[in-house]
N, C-alpha and C. Protein backbone atom coordinates (compact mmCIF):
# COMPACT_ATOMS: atom_id res chain seq x y z
N MET A 1 -10.16 65.91 42.82
CA MET A 1 -9.69 64.54 42.66
C MET A 1 -8.73 64.52 41.46
N SER A 2 -7.57 63.94 41.65
CA SER A 2 -6.67 63.80 40.52
C SER A 2 -7.15 62.64 39.65
N ALA A 3 -6.82 62.71 38.37
CA ALA A 3 -7.30 61.70 37.43
C ALA A 3 -6.78 60.32 37.81
N VAL A 4 -7.69 59.36 37.81
CA VAL A 4 -7.37 57.97 38.13
C VAL A 4 -7.91 57.11 36.99
N LEU A 5 -7.12 56.17 36.53
CA LEU A 5 -7.55 55.29 35.45
C LEU A 5 -8.16 54.02 36.02
N LEU A 6 -9.38 53.72 35.58
CA LEU A 6 -10.04 52.47 35.94
C LEU A 6 -10.11 51.60 34.68
N ILE A 7 -9.63 50.40 34.76
CA ILE A 7 -9.77 49.45 33.66
C ILE A 7 -10.93 48.56 34.03
N CYS A 8 -12.01 48.67 33.29
CA CYS A 8 -13.23 47.91 33.59
C CYS A 8 -13.26 46.66 32.71
N ALA A 9 -13.08 45.51 33.33
CA ALA A 9 -13.22 44.26 32.59
C ALA A 9 -14.65 44.17 32.08
N ALA A 10 -15.57 44.71 32.87
CA ALA A 10 -16.97 44.81 32.47
C ALA A 10 -17.48 46.16 32.96
N LEU A 11 -18.25 46.82 32.11
CA LEU A 11 -18.92 48.06 32.51
C LEU A 11 -20.40 47.82 32.30
N ALA A 12 -21.11 47.51 33.39
CA ALA A 12 -22.54 47.20 33.33
C ALA A 12 -23.32 48.49 33.50
N MET A 13 -23.84 49.00 32.40
CA MET A 13 -24.58 50.26 32.43
C MET A 13 -26.00 50.01 32.93
N SER A 14 -26.41 50.79 33.95
CA SER A 14 -27.76 50.66 34.48
C SER A 14 -28.73 51.57 33.75
N ASP A 15 -28.20 52.63 33.16
CA ASP A 15 -29.00 53.52 32.31
C ASP A 15 -28.05 54.17 31.32
N GLY A 16 -28.46 55.24 30.68
CA GLY A 16 -27.65 55.85 29.64
C GLY A 16 -26.44 56.63 30.11
N ASP A 17 -26.34 56.90 31.43
CA ASP A 17 -25.21 57.69 31.91
C ASP A 17 -24.56 57.16 33.18
N SER A 18 -24.94 55.98 33.63
CA SER A 18 -24.29 55.45 34.83
C SER A 18 -24.29 53.92 34.83
N GLY A 19 -23.36 53.38 35.60
CA GLY A 19 -23.24 51.93 35.65
C GLY A 19 -22.24 51.50 36.71
N ARG A 20 -21.82 50.25 36.59
CA ARG A 20 -20.86 49.68 37.54
C ARG A 20 -19.69 49.10 36.77
N CYS A 21 -18.50 49.54 37.18
CA CYS A 21 -17.26 49.07 36.58
C CYS A 21 -16.75 47.92 37.44
N ARG A 22 -16.53 46.75 36.82
CA ARG A 22 -15.91 45.63 37.53
C ARG A 22 -14.48 45.53 37.03
N THR A 23 -13.55 45.74 37.93
CA THR A 23 -12.14 45.71 37.56
C THR A 23 -11.65 44.27 37.50
N ALA A 24 -10.46 44.08 36.95
CA ALA A 24 -9.88 42.74 36.80
C ALA A 24 -9.69 42.05 38.15
N ASP A 25 -9.47 42.83 39.21
CA ASP A 25 -9.30 42.22 40.53
C ASP A 25 -10.62 42.00 41.27
N GLY A 26 -11.74 42.23 40.57
CA GLY A 26 -13.05 41.94 41.14
C GLY A 26 -13.71 43.08 41.88
N GLU A 27 -13.04 44.20 41.99
CA GLU A 27 -13.63 45.36 42.66
C GLU A 27 -14.76 45.92 41.79
N THR A 28 -15.83 46.39 42.42
CA THR A 28 -16.92 47.03 41.71
C THR A 28 -16.97 48.50 42.11
N VAL A 29 -16.98 49.37 41.09
CA VAL A 29 -16.98 50.81 41.31
C VAL A 29 -18.18 51.40 40.58
N ARG A 30 -19.01 52.16 41.30
CA ARG A 30 -20.14 52.85 40.66
C ARG A 30 -19.60 54.05 39.87
N VAL A 31 -20.02 54.15 38.60
CA VAL A 31 -19.49 55.17 37.69
C VAL A 31 -20.63 55.99 37.11
N ARG A 32 -20.39 57.29 37.00
CA ARG A 32 -21.31 58.23 36.34
C ARG A 32 -20.53 58.86 35.20
N LEU A 33 -21.04 58.78 33.97
CA LEU A 33 -20.34 59.37 32.83
C LEU A 33 -20.29 60.89 32.98
N ALA A 34 -19.12 61.45 32.79
CA ALA A 34 -18.91 62.89 32.93
C ALA A 34 -19.58 63.65 31.79
N SER A 35 -20.13 64.78 32.12
CA SER A 35 -20.60 65.79 31.16
C SER A 35 -21.81 65.41 30.32
N ILE A 36 -22.53 64.35 30.69
CA ILE A 36 -23.75 64.03 29.96
C ILE A 36 -24.90 63.79 30.94
N ASP A 37 -26.11 63.84 30.42
CA ASP A 37 -27.30 63.53 31.21
C ASP A 37 -28.25 62.75 30.31
N ALA A 38 -28.66 61.59 30.76
CA ALA A 38 -29.61 60.76 30.02
C ALA A 38 -30.88 60.64 30.85
N GLY A 39 -31.96 60.25 30.20
CA GLY A 39 -33.24 60.10 30.88
C GLY A 39 -33.22 59.03 31.96
N GLU A 40 -34.04 59.23 32.95
CA GLU A 40 -34.15 58.27 34.05
C GLU A 40 -34.98 57.06 33.63
N VAL A 41 -34.58 55.90 34.15
CA VAL A 41 -35.33 54.67 33.91
C VAL A 41 -35.94 54.22 35.23
N ALA A 42 -36.94 53.34 35.14
CA ALA A 42 -37.61 52.84 36.35
C ALA A 42 -36.57 52.33 37.34
N PRO A 43 -36.77 52.55 38.61
CA PRO A 43 -37.97 52.93 39.34
C PRO A 43 -38.17 54.43 39.52
N PHE A 44 -37.42 55.26 38.87
CA PHE A 44 -37.61 56.72 38.88
C PHE A 44 -37.49 57.35 40.27
N SER A 45 -36.68 56.78 41.15
CA SER A 45 -36.54 57.35 42.49
C SER A 45 -35.99 58.77 42.44
N ARG A 46 -35.07 59.05 41.53
CA ARG A 46 -34.55 60.42 41.38
C ARG A 46 -35.67 61.37 40.99
N CYS A 47 -36.59 60.91 40.18
CA CYS A 47 -37.69 61.76 39.71
C CYS A 47 -38.70 62.06 40.81
N ARG A 48 -38.84 61.17 41.76
CA ARG A 48 -39.73 61.46 42.89
C ARG A 48 -39.18 62.62 43.71
N ASN A 49 -37.86 62.69 43.82
CA ASN A 49 -37.23 63.75 44.61
C ASN A 49 -36.99 65.03 43.81
N GLN A 50 -36.80 64.90 42.49
CA GLN A 50 -36.49 66.06 41.65
C GLN A 50 -37.28 66.00 40.34
N PRO A 51 -38.59 66.09 40.39
CA PRO A 51 -39.40 65.92 39.18
C PRO A 51 -39.18 67.00 38.13
N GLN A 52 -38.61 68.13 38.51
CA GLN A 52 -38.42 69.23 37.58
C GLN A 52 -37.19 69.09 36.69
N ILE A 53 -36.30 68.15 36.97
CA ILE A 53 -35.07 68.06 36.18
C ILE A 53 -35.33 67.47 34.80
N TRP A 54 -34.47 67.81 33.85
CA TRP A 54 -34.64 67.37 32.47
C TRP A 54 -34.72 65.85 32.35
N ALA A 55 -33.89 65.12 33.08
CA ALA A 55 -33.85 63.66 32.97
C ALA A 55 -35.18 63.01 33.34
N CYS A 56 -36.06 63.75 33.99
CA CYS A 56 -37.37 63.23 34.38
C CYS A 56 -38.48 63.72 33.46
N SER A 57 -38.14 64.48 32.44
CA SER A 57 -39.14 64.98 31.50
C SER A 57 -39.71 63.83 30.68
N ALA A 58 -40.85 64.05 30.09
CA ALA A 58 -41.50 63.01 29.30
C ALA A 58 -40.63 62.53 28.15
N VAL A 59 -40.00 63.44 27.43
CA VAL A 59 -39.17 63.02 26.29
C VAL A 59 -37.94 62.26 26.77
N ALA A 60 -37.33 62.70 27.85
CA ALA A 60 -36.15 62.01 28.37
C ALA A 60 -36.50 60.59 28.82
N ARG A 61 -37.62 60.45 29.53
CA ARG A 61 -38.02 59.13 30.01
C ARG A 61 -38.47 58.22 28.87
N GLN A 62 -38.99 58.82 27.79
CA GLN A 62 -39.41 58.03 26.64
C GLN A 62 -38.20 57.40 25.94
N VAL A 63 -37.11 58.14 25.83
CA VAL A 63 -35.91 57.66 25.15
C VAL A 63 -35.00 56.86 26.09
N ALA A 64 -35.20 56.96 27.38
CA ALA A 64 -34.32 56.33 28.36
C ALA A 64 -34.10 54.83 28.15
N PRO A 65 -35.13 54.03 27.86
CA PRO A 65 -34.87 52.60 27.65
C PRO A 65 -33.94 52.33 26.46
N LEU A 66 -34.11 53.09 25.39
CA LEU A 66 -33.23 52.96 24.23
C LEU A 66 -31.80 53.37 24.59
N ALA A 67 -31.67 54.46 25.35
CA ALA A 67 -30.35 54.92 25.78
C ALA A 67 -29.67 53.86 26.65
N SER A 68 -30.42 53.28 27.56
CA SER A 68 -29.87 52.24 28.43
C SER A 68 -29.38 51.04 27.62
N ARG A 69 -30.21 50.62 26.69
CA ARG A 69 -29.88 49.48 25.85
C ARG A 69 -28.61 49.76 25.03
N ARG A 70 -28.54 50.95 24.43
CA ARG A 70 -27.39 51.30 23.59
C ARG A 70 -26.11 51.41 24.43
N ALA A 71 -26.21 52.01 25.61
CA ALA A 71 -25.04 52.12 26.49
C ALA A 71 -24.53 50.74 26.88
N ARG A 72 -25.44 49.82 27.16
CA ARG A 72 -25.04 48.45 27.50
C ARG A 72 -24.34 47.78 26.33
N GLU A 73 -24.89 47.95 25.13
CA GLU A 73 -24.27 47.36 23.94
C GLU A 73 -22.86 47.89 23.74
N LEU A 74 -22.70 49.20 23.83
CA LEU A 74 -21.40 49.81 23.60
C LEU A 74 -20.37 49.41 24.65
N ALA A 75 -20.82 49.20 25.88
CA ALA A 75 -19.90 48.92 26.99
C ALA A 75 -19.68 47.43 27.23
N GLN A 76 -20.31 46.58 26.46
CA GLN A 76 -20.25 45.15 26.77
C GLN A 76 -18.83 44.57 26.72
N GLY A 77 -17.92 45.17 26.00
CA GLY A 77 -16.55 44.66 25.94
C GLY A 77 -15.63 45.26 26.98
N GLY A 78 -16.19 46.00 27.94
CA GLY A 78 -15.37 46.65 28.95
C GLY A 78 -15.04 48.07 28.55
N ALA A 79 -14.27 48.75 29.38
CA ALA A 79 -13.96 50.16 29.14
C ALA A 79 -12.73 50.58 29.92
N ARG A 80 -12.17 51.68 29.49
CA ARG A 80 -11.12 52.38 30.22
C ARG A 80 -11.75 53.70 30.66
N CYS A 81 -11.82 53.92 31.94
CA CYS A 81 -12.46 55.13 32.47
C CYS A 81 -11.44 55.98 33.21
N VAL A 82 -11.39 57.25 32.86
CA VAL A 82 -10.55 58.20 33.58
C VAL A 82 -11.45 58.92 34.57
N ALA A 83 -11.24 58.62 35.85
CA ALA A 83 -12.05 59.21 36.91
C ALA A 83 -11.54 60.62 37.19
N THR A 84 -12.47 61.57 37.20
CA THR A 84 -12.09 62.97 37.41
C THR A 84 -12.70 63.59 38.66
N ASP A 85 -13.71 62.93 39.24
CA ASP A 85 -14.42 63.54 40.37
C ASP A 85 -15.29 62.47 41.02
N ARG A 86 -15.99 62.87 42.08
CA ARG A 86 -17.05 62.06 42.69
C ARG A 86 -18.29 62.92 42.75
N ASP A 87 -19.45 62.29 42.53
CA ASP A 87 -20.68 63.08 42.62
C ASP A 87 -21.27 62.98 44.03
N ARG A 88 -22.39 63.65 44.23
CA ARG A 88 -22.99 63.69 45.56
C ARG A 88 -23.51 62.34 46.04
N TYR A 89 -23.62 61.37 45.12
CA TYR A 89 -24.06 60.03 45.48
C TYR A 89 -22.88 59.08 45.72
N GLY A 90 -21.66 59.62 45.65
CA GLY A 90 -20.47 58.82 45.89
C GLY A 90 -19.95 58.08 44.66
N ARG A 91 -20.60 58.28 43.52
CA ARG A 91 -20.14 57.61 42.30
C ARG A 91 -18.91 58.32 41.76
N VAL A 92 -18.05 57.54 41.10
CA VAL A 92 -16.91 58.11 40.40
C VAL A 92 -17.43 58.74 39.12
N VAL A 93 -17.11 59.99 38.87
CA VAL A 93 -17.47 60.66 37.62
C VAL A 93 -16.29 60.44 36.69
N ALA A 94 -16.56 59.91 35.49
CA ALA A 94 -15.46 59.51 34.62
C ALA A 94 -15.79 59.68 33.15
N ILE A 95 -14.74 59.80 32.38
CA ILE A 95 -14.82 59.76 30.92
C ILE A 95 -14.41 58.35 30.55
N CYS A 96 -15.34 57.60 29.97
CA CYS A 96 -15.09 56.19 29.67
C CYS A 96 -14.96 55.96 28.17
N THR A 97 -13.95 55.21 27.81
CA THR A 97 -13.71 54.87 26.42
C THR A 97 -13.99 53.39 26.23
N VAL A 98 -14.82 53.09 25.24
CA VAL A 98 -15.16 51.72 24.87
C VAL A 98 -14.56 51.46 23.49
N ALA A 99 -14.74 50.29 22.94
CA ALA A 99 -14.16 49.95 21.64
C ALA A 99 -14.52 50.96 20.55
N ALA A 100 -15.75 51.47 20.58
CA ALA A 100 -16.22 52.41 19.55
C ALA A 100 -15.79 53.86 19.81
N GLY A 101 -15.22 54.15 20.99
CA GLY A 101 -14.77 55.51 21.30
C GLY A 101 -15.29 55.99 22.64
N ASP A 102 -15.30 57.29 22.82
CA ASP A 102 -15.75 57.94 24.06
C ASP A 102 -17.25 57.68 24.23
N LEU A 103 -17.60 56.95 25.27
CA LEU A 103 -18.99 56.53 25.47
C LEU A 103 -19.94 57.72 25.62
N GLY A 104 -19.55 58.74 26.36
CA GLY A 104 -20.38 59.93 26.50
C GLY A 104 -20.62 60.60 25.16
N ARG A 105 -19.56 60.74 24.39
CA ARG A 105 -19.67 61.36 23.06
C ARG A 105 -20.61 60.56 22.17
N LEU A 106 -20.49 59.25 22.19
CA LEU A 106 -21.35 58.39 21.37
C LEU A 106 -22.81 58.53 21.76
N MET A 107 -23.08 58.60 23.06
CA MET A 107 -24.46 58.72 23.53
C MET A 107 -25.08 60.06 23.13
N VAL A 108 -24.32 61.15 23.29
CA VAL A 108 -24.83 62.47 22.93
C VAL A 108 -25.01 62.57 21.42
N ARG A 109 -24.05 62.07 20.66
CA ARG A 109 -24.11 62.16 19.20
C ARG A 109 -25.31 61.39 18.65
N ALA A 110 -25.70 60.31 19.32
CA ALA A 110 -26.85 59.51 18.90
C ALA A 110 -28.18 60.13 19.34
N GLY A 111 -28.12 61.21 20.11
CA GLY A 111 -29.34 61.84 20.60
C GLY A 111 -29.96 61.09 21.77
N LEU A 112 -29.16 60.29 22.45
CA LEU A 112 -29.66 59.49 23.57
C LEU A 112 -29.33 60.10 24.92
N ALA A 113 -28.58 61.19 24.91
CA ALA A 113 -28.23 61.93 26.12
C ALA A 113 -27.93 63.37 25.71
N ARG A 114 -27.90 64.25 26.70
CA ARG A 114 -27.59 65.65 26.46
C ARG A 114 -26.19 65.98 26.97
N ASN A 115 -25.59 66.98 26.36
CA ASN A 115 -24.38 67.58 26.90
C ASN A 115 -24.80 68.29 28.19
N GLU A 116 -24.20 67.97 29.31
CA GLU A 116 -24.59 68.58 30.58
C GLU A 116 -23.79 69.86 30.79
N THR A 117 -24.40 70.99 30.50
CA THR A 117 -23.70 72.28 30.50
C THR A 117 -23.27 72.75 31.89
N ARG A 118 -23.84 72.18 32.94
CA ARG A 118 -23.39 72.56 34.29
C ARG A 118 -21.94 72.15 34.51
N TYR A 119 -21.46 71.22 33.70
CA TYR A 119 -20.10 70.71 33.87
C TYR A 119 -19.24 70.99 32.64
N GLY A 120 -19.58 72.00 31.86
CA GLY A 120 -18.79 72.36 30.70
C GLY A 120 -19.51 72.03 29.41
N ASN A 121 -18.80 72.14 28.34
CA ASN A 121 -19.38 71.90 27.02
C ASN A 121 -18.59 70.84 26.25
N ARG A 122 -18.16 69.82 26.94
CA ARG A 122 -17.34 68.77 26.34
C ARG A 122 -17.98 68.20 25.07
N TYR A 123 -19.31 68.01 25.08
CA TYR A 123 -20.00 67.37 23.96
C TYR A 123 -20.98 68.30 23.26
N ALA A 124 -20.72 69.60 23.30
CA ALA A 124 -21.63 70.57 22.69
C ALA A 124 -21.75 70.36 21.18
N ALA A 125 -20.65 70.09 20.50
CA ALA A 125 -20.70 69.89 19.05
C ALA A 125 -21.52 68.66 18.70
N GLU A 126 -21.38 67.61 19.49
CA GLU A 126 -22.15 66.38 19.25
C GLU A 126 -23.64 66.62 19.47
N GLU A 127 -23.97 67.42 20.49
CA GLU A 127 -25.38 67.72 20.73
C GLU A 127 -25.95 68.56 19.60
N ARG A 128 -25.20 69.54 19.12
CA ARG A 128 -25.68 70.36 17.99
C ARG A 128 -25.94 69.48 16.76
N ALA A 129 -25.05 68.54 16.50
CA ALA A 129 -25.22 67.65 15.34
C ALA A 129 -26.45 66.76 15.52
N ALA A 130 -26.65 66.21 16.71
CA ALA A 130 -27.81 65.36 16.97
C ALA A 130 -29.11 66.16 16.83
N ARG A 131 -29.10 67.40 17.32
CA ARG A 131 -30.28 68.28 17.18
C ARG A 131 -30.57 68.55 15.71
N ARG A 132 -29.52 68.91 14.98
CA ARG A 132 -29.67 69.24 13.57
C ARG A 132 -30.24 68.06 12.78
N GLU A 133 -29.80 66.85 13.13
CA GLU A 133 -30.25 65.63 12.45
C GLU A 133 -31.50 65.03 13.08
N ARG A 134 -32.03 65.68 14.11
CA ARG A 134 -33.24 65.24 14.81
C ARG A 134 -33.17 63.78 15.28
N LYS A 135 -32.08 63.48 15.97
CA LYS A 135 -31.89 62.13 16.49
C LYS A 135 -32.38 62.01 17.92
N GLY A 136 -32.91 60.85 18.27
CA GLY A 136 -33.26 60.53 19.65
C GLY A 136 -34.17 61.55 20.30
N ILE A 137 -33.67 62.18 21.35
CA ILE A 137 -34.47 63.15 22.11
C ILE A 137 -34.79 64.40 21.32
N TRP A 138 -34.14 64.59 20.19
CA TRP A 138 -34.33 65.81 19.39
C TRP A 138 -35.28 65.60 18.22
N LYS A 139 -35.97 64.45 18.18
CA LYS A 139 -36.93 64.19 17.07
C LYS A 139 -38.06 65.17 17.10
C-alpha cells in the first residue's frame, strides 16, 4: 500500500493501539497504530482466540485501561495519520501524529505499549527508556 494521509477530525481510540478516524467529510476509518502493541481491553475477544499473545498477558491487561484512557486523551484533538498498510482485520495501519507528537512513540515511551518487533524497531529506543525508568508495563 502506498502511503496515504488521513486527516482525522476526531480519532476515537478504543484501546491503546487502535481506534476510529472520522474525517472532515464524515467518513469513518478503522485505524491500527503501526509498530506498537498495547494490552487488550474488555470484551477480550482477541484473547479468547489467541490467549498466548503478549497483549493478553496479565500485565498487559492490567495496564490496558490506563493505556486506553491515555490514548483517548492524546487523540482528543484529532490526528494526522499516514496509512502504510492494512492488517488482517481490514484496519488501516498508520503512524498517527497528535498535538503532542507521534502517538505510537508517546504510548511506548510512557510504558503503555510495546514496540512491536514483528514490524521493525521504530520505537525500540522509547521502549528501552520506558524499561529503564520502569514505567507502565515495565514496573
